[in-house]
Amino acid sequence: SRCHIAAVRVRGNTSVRTATVLRAAEVRPGELFRRDRLLAAQSRLYATRLFRRVMFFVLRPDSTRDSVVVRFDVTEQAYRAASFGGGFEALPWRALATVGWEHANLFNRGHQFEAGVEYSPNFTGDFRVSVDATYRIPYLILTRVDFSAHPFVYYELADTSTRREYGVETGLSRNFL
């Protein structure tokens, strides 16, 4: 006799929506129960970087022998991070300073946003500055395809000339976990 999944439940999520967890897990009621699918779902949930711990439990209801209930117990982790950096570049000599900020659960939907600024002056008055950001929407249209947009601005003053670049890169990607 084959065993099917009767229901999928989530416990422990406080900020991440249950629908976001279920979408990333990709385990659905009615499908054939397979342990390897649950292990893959656990890996996908860790890959979202939203959880510090992910465990799954298989519960057998008393009323039936051919179906199970799957429960994912999750422990969320911090979604926001700031970064600061500094250093030196050699030939030509210049200083380097960076600042960044990241949010891994924007709108409580698992959307990710990163922004950063880099400033690099040399010791003769020339400099480079760049500003960029990335916005990523995972599981676009309920599939494992992610959409991302990456606007950027670059400005450099070297001697008497300037260089400017700006634009937006967009793309679709697929996670093969």
Protein backbone atom coordinates (compact mmCIF):
# COMPACT_ATOMS: atom_id res chain seq x y z
CA SER A 1 0.00 0.00 0.00
CA ARG A 2 1.31 3.45 -0.90
CA CYS A 3 1.33 6.22 1.66
CA HIS A 4 0.27 9.74 0.68
CA ILE A 5 0.67 13.10 2.42
CA ALA A 6 -2.67 14.19 3.88
CA ALA A 7 -1.54 17.63 5.11
CA VAL A 8 1.55 19.80 5.47
CA ARG A 9 1.85 22.01 8.53
CA VAL A 10 4.36 24.60 9.72
CA ARG A 11 5.20 25.45 13.32
CA GLY A 12 7.55 28.04 14.81
CA ASN A 13 7.36 30.76 12.17
CA THR A 14 6.62 34.19 13.60
CA SER A 15 7.58 36.65 10.86
CA VAL A 16 7.90 34.45 7.80
CA ARG A 17 4.47 33.70 6.37
CA THR A 18 3.34 30.08 6.37
CA ALA A 19 2.66 30.33 2.63
CA THR A 20 6.30 31.37 2.09
CA VAL A 21 7.52 28.32 4.02
CA LEU A 22 5.20 25.95 2.15
CA ARG A 23 6.15 27.43 -1.23
CA ALA A 24 9.87 26.93 -0.54
CA ALA A 25 9.34 23.41 0.86
CA GLU A 26 7.54 22.26 -2.31
CA VAL A 27 5.78 19.42 -0.47
CA ARG A 28 2.07 19.23 -1.24
CA PRO A 29 -0.90 17.36 0.21
CA GLY A 30 -1.91 14.43 -1.97
CA GLU A 31 1.57 13.60 -3.21
CA LEU A 32 3.24 10.27 -2.54
CA PHE A 33 5.21 10.25 0.73
CA ARG A 34 8.97 10.01 0.14
CA ARG A 35 11.62 10.74 2.77
CA ASP A 36 14.08 12.05 0.16
CA ARG A 37 11.51 14.74 -0.83
CA LEU A 38 11.37 15.89 2.81
CA LEU A 39 15.17 16.02 3.05
CA ALA A 40 15.27 18.09 -0.16
CA ALA A 41 12.56 20.38 1.28
CA GLN A 42 14.63 20.83 4.43
CA SER A 43 17.65 21.82 2.29
CA ARG A 44 15.57 24.32 0.31
CA LEU A 45 14.27 25.90 3.53
CA TYR A 46 17.83 26.28 4.86
CA ALA A 47 18.87 27.77 1.50
CA THR A 48 16.38 30.62 1.95
CA ARG A 49 18.63 31.88 4.78
CA LEU A 50 15.48 32.62 6.79
CA PHE A 51 15.88 29.80 9.30
CA ARG A 52 18.46 28.84 11.88
CA ARG A 53 16.90 25.40 12.32
CA VAL A 54 14.54 23.30 10.20
CA MET A 55 13.21 19.93 11.30
CA PHE A 56 10.42 17.82 9.88
CA PHE A 57 8.18 15.30 11.57
CA VAL A 58 6.01 12.63 10.00
CA LEU A 59 2.80 12.08 11.97
CA ARG A 60 0.39 9.24 11.33
CA PRO A 61 -3.24 10.08 12.05
CA ASP A 62 -5.13 7.40 13.99
CA SER A 63 -7.95 7.29 11.48
CA THR A 64 -5.97 6.08 8.46
CA ARG A 65 -3.02 3.87 7.63
CA ASP A 66 -2.37 5.09 4.08
CA SER A 67 -1.64 8.77 4.75
CA VAL A 68 0.60 10.91 6.94
CA VAL A 69 0.77 14.50 8.10
CA VAL A 70 4.11 16.27 7.59
CA ARG A 71 5.04 19.07 9.99
CA PHE A 72 7.99 21.42 9.49
CA ASP A 73 9.27 22.98 12.73
CA VAL A 74 11.34 26.09 11.98
CA THR A 75 13.37 28.52 14.04
CA GLU A 76 13.79 31.87 12.35
CA GLN A 77 17.05 33.77 12.31
CA ALA A 78 17.94 37.45 11.95
CA TYR A 79 16.88 38.86 8.58
CA ARG A 80 18.85 42.09 8.59
CA ALA A 81 22.58 42.60 8.45
CA ALA A 82 24.93 45.55 8.05
CA SER A 83 28.51 45.35 6.83
CA PHE A 84 31.41 47.76 6.99
CA GLY A 85 34.81 47.35 5.39
CA GLY A 86 38.00 49.18 4.67
CA GLY A 87 41.39 48.62 3.16
CA PHE A 88 44.04 49.73 0.72
CA GLU A 89 44.70 49.01 -2.94
CA ALA A 90 48.23 48.90 -4.31
CA LEU A 91 49.47 50.52 -7.50
CA PRO A 92 48.01 53.02 -7.71
CA TRP A 93 47.73 53.47 -3.98
CA ARG A 94 44.23 54.23 -2.80
CA ALA A 95 42.04 53.72 0.23
CA LEU A 96 38.85 51.67 0.12
CA ALA A 97 35.70 51.94 2.26
CA THR A 98 32.48 49.94 1.90
CA VAL A 99 29.11 49.97 3.63
CA GLY A 100 26.33 47.48 3.01
CA TRP A 101 22.90 46.54 4.28
CA GLU A 102 20.82 43.42 3.69
CA HIS A 103 17.27 42.32 4.48
CA ALA A 104 16.42 38.65 3.77
CA ASN A 105 12.67 38.73 4.53
CA LEU A 106 11.26 41.88 3.00
CA PHE A 107 7.47 42.18 3.38
CA ASN A 108 7.59 38.87 5.34
CA ARG A 109 7.56 37.06 1.99
CA GLY A 110 11.20 36.00 1.77
CA HIS A 111 12.04 38.76 -0.72
CA GLN A 112 15.68 39.80 -0.41
CA PHE A 113 17.15 43.28 -0.68
CA GLU A 114 20.84 44.22 -0.55
CA ALA A 115 22.38 47.67 -0.97
CA GLY A 116 25.96 48.84 -0.85
CA VAL A 117 28.25 51.81 -1.34
CA GLU A 118 31.95 51.71 -2.13
CA TYR A 119 34.23 54.76 -1.98
CA SER A 120 37.87 54.65 -3.04
CA PRO A 121 39.97 57.84 -3.01
CA ASN A 122 43.62 57.96 -3.94
CA PHE A 123 46.06 60.37 -2.37
CA THR A 124 46.07 62.92 -5.24
CA GLY A 125 42.38 63.87 -5.16
CA ASP A 126 41.02 61.29 -7.61
CA PHE A 127 38.31 58.89 -6.48
CA ARG A 128 35.83 56.18 -7.43
CA VAL A 129 32.37 55.71 -5.96
CA SER A 130 29.78 53.05 -6.71
CA VAL A 131 26.29 52.43 -5.39
CA ASP A 132 24.34 49.30 -6.12
CA ALA A 133 21.37 47.32 -4.89
CA THR A 134 19.77 43.97 -5.61
CA TYR A 135 16.14 43.04 -5.12
CA ARG A 136 15.32 39.33 -5.43
CA ILE A 137 11.87 37.73 -5.53
CA PRO A 138 12.13 33.98 -4.93
CA TYR A 139 9.59 31.54 -6.36
CA LEU A 140 8.18 33.90 -8.94
CA ILE A 141 4.72 32.73 -10.02
CA LEU A 142 4.85 29.70 -7.66
CA THR A 143 7.81 28.09 -9.44
CA ARG A 144 11.42 27.69 -8.38
CA VAL A 145 12.39 30.55 -10.71
CA ASP A 146 13.66 33.71 -9.01
CA PHE A 147 13.52 37.24 -10.42
CA SER A 148 16.17 39.82 -9.57
CA ALA A 149 16.80 43.46 -10.39
CA HIS A 150 20.18 45.10 -9.84
CA PRO A 151 20.39 48.89 -10.34
CA PHE A 152 23.89 50.39 -10.19
CA VAL A 153 25.74 53.69 -10.48
CA TYR A 154 29.53 54.08 -10.90
CA TYR A 155 31.46 57.34 -11.00
CA GLU A 156 35.21 57.81 -11.30
CA LEU A 157 37.31 60.98 -11.36
CA ALA A 158 40.85 60.32 -12.62
CA ASP A 159 43.16 63.22 -13.44
CA THR A 160 40.95 65.49 -15.53
CA SER A 161 38.58 62.88 -16.93
CA THR A 162 35.44 61.39 -15.48
CA ARG A 163 33.77 58.08 -16.13
CA ARG A 164 30.12 57.35 -15.42
CA GLU A 165 28.17 54.13 -15.68
CA TYR A 166 24.63 53.45 -14.61
CA GLY A 167 21.95 50.95 -15.42
CA VAL A 168 19.80 48.10 -14.27
CA GLU A 169 20.51 44.42 -14.74
CA THR A 170 17.56 42.05 -14.47
CA GLY A 171 17.41 38.32 -14.65
CA LEU A 172 15.71 35.06 -13.93
CA SER A 173 17.49 32.24 -12.13
CA ARG A 174 16.61 28.78 -10.92
CA ASN A 175 17.71 27.08 -7.72
CA PHE A 176 18.48 23.41 -8.35
CA LEU A 177 18.34 22.29 -4.70
